[in-house]
Amino acid sequence: MARPRTPDERRLTRIVRFRLTEADHIRLAREAETVDMSVGELARALTLSRVERLVIEATASHDPALVRQLYHIGHNLNQLTKNAHIFGRIQPRVEALCRRIDALMDEAIGKEAD
């Protein structure tokens, strides 16, 4: 007789990967061995049994929202530059926009240095 199927809500289908130092991995492997679990099972159990809330503070230099916005700005500037090369002209608003972006970048760098 075949083993009964695991219900969909209990099936482990998602993979989470992270890196450890050699020392951290050895420590986790030892702990897993003492409780007769694999390293992955122990890492999953420790992650899901966490009682306190994990708080991650973003610094100004690594703020994900700021990085995402800068990425989009860079993408848009690339498109504008490409169009300027193709058509041989630059819209007047582009120059003003570039000056504004420069000012924002100077302000962000100034805040980061403080």
Protein backbone atom coordinates (compact mmCIF):
# COMPACT_ATOMS: atom_id res chain seq x y z
CA MET A 1 0.00 0.00 0.00
CA ALA A 2 1.34 3.43 -0.94
CA ARG A 3 1.91 6.18 1.58
CA PRO A 4 -0.98 8.67 1.73
CA ARG A 5 -0.43 12.00 -0.02
CA THR A 6 0.54 15.01 2.08
CA PRO A 7 -2.20 17.64 2.01
CA ASP A 8 -1.33 20.68 -0.15
CA GLU A 9 -1.21 23.07 2.82
CA ARG A 10 1.44 20.90 4.55
CA ARG A 11 3.58 20.19 1.46
CA LEU A 12 7.01 21.82 1.57
CA THR A 13 7.35 23.36 -1.87
CA ARG A 14 9.27 26.61 -1.32
CA ILE A 15 13.07 26.77 -1.06
CA VAL A 16 14.93 29.33 1.06
CA ARG A 17 18.69 29.56 0.66
CA PHE A 18 21.21 31.45 2.74
CA ARG A 19 24.94 31.36 3.31
CA LEU A 20 26.82 30.65 6.53
CA THR A 21 30.42 30.93 7.57
CA GLU A 22 32.21 27.65 8.07
CA ALA A 23 32.12 28.15 11.85
CA ASP A 24 28.37 28.88 11.85
CA HIS A 25 27.68 25.80 9.72
CA ILE A 26 29.73 23.57 12.01
CA ARG A 27 27.88 24.91 15.06
CA LEU A 28 24.49 24.40 13.39
CA ALA A 29 25.46 20.89 12.24
CA ARG A 30 26.50 19.95 15.79
CA GLU A 31 23.23 21.22 17.21
CA ALA A 32 21.30 19.36 14.50
CA GLU A 33 23.17 16.15 15.28
CA THR A 34 22.34 16.37 19.00
CA VAL A 35 18.61 16.61 18.27
CA ASP A 36 18.78 14.02 15.45
CA MET A 37 17.76 16.42 12.67
CA SER A 38 19.31 17.51 9.41
CA VAL A 39 20.85 20.99 9.23
CA GLY A 40 18.00 22.15 6.98
CA GLU A 41 15.32 20.78 9.30
CA LEU A 42 16.91 22.50 12.30
CA ALA A 43 17.29 25.81 10.44
CA ARG A 44 13.61 25.62 9.41
CA ALA A 45 12.49 24.78 12.94
CA LEU A 46 14.55 27.59 14.47
CA THR A 47 13.27 30.09 11.91
CA LEU A 48 9.61 29.20 12.33
CA SER A 49 9.69 28.91 16.12
CA ARG A 50 10.96 32.47 16.58
CA VAL A 51 8.85 34.24 19.19
CA GLU A 52 10.25 37.76 19.03
CA ARG A 53 9.82 39.86 15.93
CA LEU A 54 12.86 40.31 13.71
CA VAL A 55 13.66 43.98 13.10
CA ILE A 56 15.88 45.01 10.22
CA GLU A 57 17.06 48.60 10.17
CA ALA A 58 17.90 50.11 6.80
CA THR A 59 20.72 52.60 6.74
CA ALA A 60 20.66 55.62 4.46
CA SER A 61 23.37 54.14 2.26
CA HIS A 62 21.55 50.83 1.85
CA ASP A 63 17.91 51.86 2.00
CA PRO A 64 16.20 49.42 -0.40
CA ALA A 65 13.53 51.96 -1.39
CA LEU A 66 16.17 54.56 -2.26
CA VAL A 67 18.20 52.03 -4.24
CA ARG A 68 15.07 50.97 -6.16
CA GLN A 69 14.20 54.60 -6.96
CA LEU A 70 17.74 55.30 -8.13
CA TYR A 71 17.61 52.22 -10.32
CA HIS A 72 14.42 53.45 -12.01
CA ILE A 73 15.84 56.95 -12.44
CA GLY A 74 18.95 55.49 -14.05
CA HIS A 75 16.83 53.36 -16.36
CA ASN A 76 14.80 56.39 -17.45
CA LEU A 77 17.95 58.45 -18.03
CA ASN A 78 19.33 55.63 -20.18
CA GLN A 79 16.19 55.72 -22.32
CA LEU A 80 16.41 59.50 -22.67
CA THR A 81 20.08 59.28 -23.64
CA LYS A 82 19.33 56.62 -26.24
CA ASN A 83 16.59 58.78 -27.76
CA ALA A 84 18.91 61.80 -27.77
CA HIS A 85 21.50 59.80 -29.73
CA ILE A 86 18.91 58.45 -32.17
CA PHE A 87 17.10 61.73 -32.87
CA GLY A 88 20.00 64.11 -32.27
CA ARG A 89 18.13 66.38 -29.87
CA ILE A 90 17.49 66.74 -26.16
CA GLN A 91 14.23 67.98 -24.72
CA PRO A 92 14.65 71.13 -22.59
CA ARG A 93 13.07 69.44 -19.57
CA VAL A 94 15.77 66.73 -19.57
CA GLU A 95 18.54 69.18 -18.71
CA ALA A 96 16.48 70.63 -15.85
CA LEU A 97 15.69 67.11 -14.66
CA CYS A 98 19.39 66.20 -14.64
CA ARG A 99 20.22 69.27 -12.54
CA ARG A 100 17.46 68.32 -10.10
CA ILE A 101 18.74 64.74 -9.86
CA ASP A 102 22.27 66.07 -9.23
CA ALA A 103 20.94 68.21 -6.39
CA LEU A 104 19.09 65.24 -4.86
CA MET A 105 22.19 63.05 -5.10
CA ASP A 106 24.32 65.77 -3.47
CA GLU A 107 21.75 66.04 -0.68
CA ALA A 108 21.68 62.26 -0.17
CA ILE A 109 25.47 62.06 -0.08
CA GLY A 110 25.59 64.95 2.37
CA LYS A 111 23.14 63.24 4.72
CA GLU A 112 25.11 59.99 4.49
CA ALA A 113 28.36 61.73 5.47
CA ASP A 114 26.83 63.21 8.65
